[in-house]
Amino acid sequence: MSDQLTTGLDKEDLRQLIADTIDVDLAEVTDDAHFVNDLEVDSLMALEITVRLEKRYGVKMEESELIAVSTLDSTYQLLDGKLRGGS
């Protein structure tokens, strides 16, 4: 069974959500593009990303976890763990 079927998490959907939230072209949100350093995400945009992730995936992000929301890849890993019941 694929990860998407197990958790309902699709990296391309996540990429689209982040691109829409920070108003950049989808191609700019590469797996390892750093949100702050590469995509110029400020603290308000970062908060908006967090709120949208919580609403979309039905998870609660702890303040200590927000540091992990820095690239598409790290955000995917964090959400995947939460959706699998890791935290």
Protein backbone atom coordinates (compact mmCIF):
# COMPACT_ATOMS: atom_id res chain seq x y z
CA MET A 1 0.00 0.00 0.00
CA SER A 2 1.41 3.42 -0.92
CA ASP A 3 2.06 6.15 1.65
CA GLN A 4 -0.65 8.31 0.11
CA LEU A 5 -3.27 5.60 0.60
CA THR A 6 -2.12 5.01 4.18
CA THR A 7 -2.10 8.63 5.35
CA GLY A 8 -4.03 10.58 2.70
CA LEU A 9 -0.94 12.77 2.29
CA ASP A 10 0.18 13.56 -1.25
CA LYS A 11 3.39 15.55 -1.71
CA GLU A 12 2.10 17.26 -4.86
CA ASP A 13 -1.06 18.41 -3.06
CA LEU A 14 1.14 19.69 -0.24
CA ARG A 15 3.38 21.47 -2.77
CA GLN A 16 0.30 23.15 -4.30
CA LEU A 17 -1.05 24.21 -0.90
CA ILE A 18 2.26 25.83 0.03
CA ALA A 19 2.67 27.53 -3.37
CA ASP A 20 -0.86 28.92 -3.13
CA THR A 21 -0.36 30.08 0.46
CA ILE A 22 2.85 31.99 -0.22
CA ASP A 23 1.81 33.04 -3.74
CA VAL A 24 4.73 31.61 -5.72
CA ASP A 25 4.88 29.47 -8.84
CA LEU A 26 4.52 25.77 -8.13
CA ALA A 27 7.93 25.08 -9.70
CA GLU A 28 9.62 27.26 -7.07
CA VAL A 29 8.48 24.96 -4.25
CA THR A 30 11.08 22.25 -4.79
CA ASP A 31 11.54 19.47 -2.25
CA ASP A 32 14.49 21.22 -0.62
CA ALA A 33 13.80 24.93 -1.26
CA HIS A 34 14.07 26.61 2.14
CA PHE A 35 10.90 28.59 2.79
CA VAL A 36 12.66 31.55 4.45
CA ASN A 37 16.00 31.64 2.64
CA ASP A 38 14.86 30.64 -0.87
CA LEU A 39 11.18 31.58 -1.03
CA GLU A 40 11.25 34.67 1.22
CA VAL A 41 8.57 33.40 3.60
CA ASP A 42 8.15 35.77 6.54
CA SER A 43 6.71 34.93 9.96
CA LEU A 44 3.16 35.86 8.95
CA MET A 45 3.30 33.61 5.87
CA ALA A 46 4.79 30.82 7.98
CA LEU A 47 1.86 31.12 10.38
CA GLU A 48 -0.57 31.00 7.45
CA ILE A 49 1.12 27.83 6.15
CA THR A 50 0.76 26.26 9.60
CA VAL A 51 -2.92 27.19 9.89
CA ARG A 52 -3.68 25.78 6.44
CA LEU A 53 -1.80 22.55 7.19
CA GLU A 54 -3.72 22.10 10.44
CA LYS A 55 -7.08 22.69 8.72
CA ARG A 56 -6.34 20.60 5.65
CA TYR A 57 -4.87 17.58 7.41
CA GLY A 58 -6.66 17.77 10.76
CA VAL A 59 -3.48 17.90 12.82
CA LYS A 60 -2.25 20.17 15.59
CA MET A 61 1.21 21.65 15.17
CA GLU A 62 3.11 22.23 18.39
CA GLU A 63 5.27 25.33 18.60
CA SER A 64 8.37 23.16 18.93
CA GLU A 65 7.53 21.44 15.62
CA LEU A 66 7.27 24.62 13.58
CA ILE A 67 11.03 24.66 13.01
CA ALA A 68 10.50 21.53 10.88
CA VAL A 69 8.21 23.47 8.54
CA SER A 70 11.15 24.86 6.61
CA THR A 71 11.13 22.88 3.33
CA LEU A 72 8.56 20.86 1.45
CA ASP A 73 10.41 17.67 2.32
CA SER A 74 10.64 18.38 6.06
CA THR A 75 7.01 19.50 6.17
CA TYR A 76 5.95 16.31 4.40
CA GLN A 77 7.92 14.17 6.87
CA LEU A 78 6.39 15.97 9.86
CA LEU A 79 2.84 15.60 8.53
CA ASP A 80 3.41 11.99 7.53
CA GLY A 81 4.52 11.17 11.06
CA LYS A 82 1.52 12.96 12.58
CA LEU A 83 -0.95 11.28 10.23
CA ARG A 84 0.51 7.88 11.07
CA GLY A 85 -0.10 8.63 14.73
CA GLY A 86 3.51 9.37 15.64
CA SER A 87 2.63 12.54 17.54
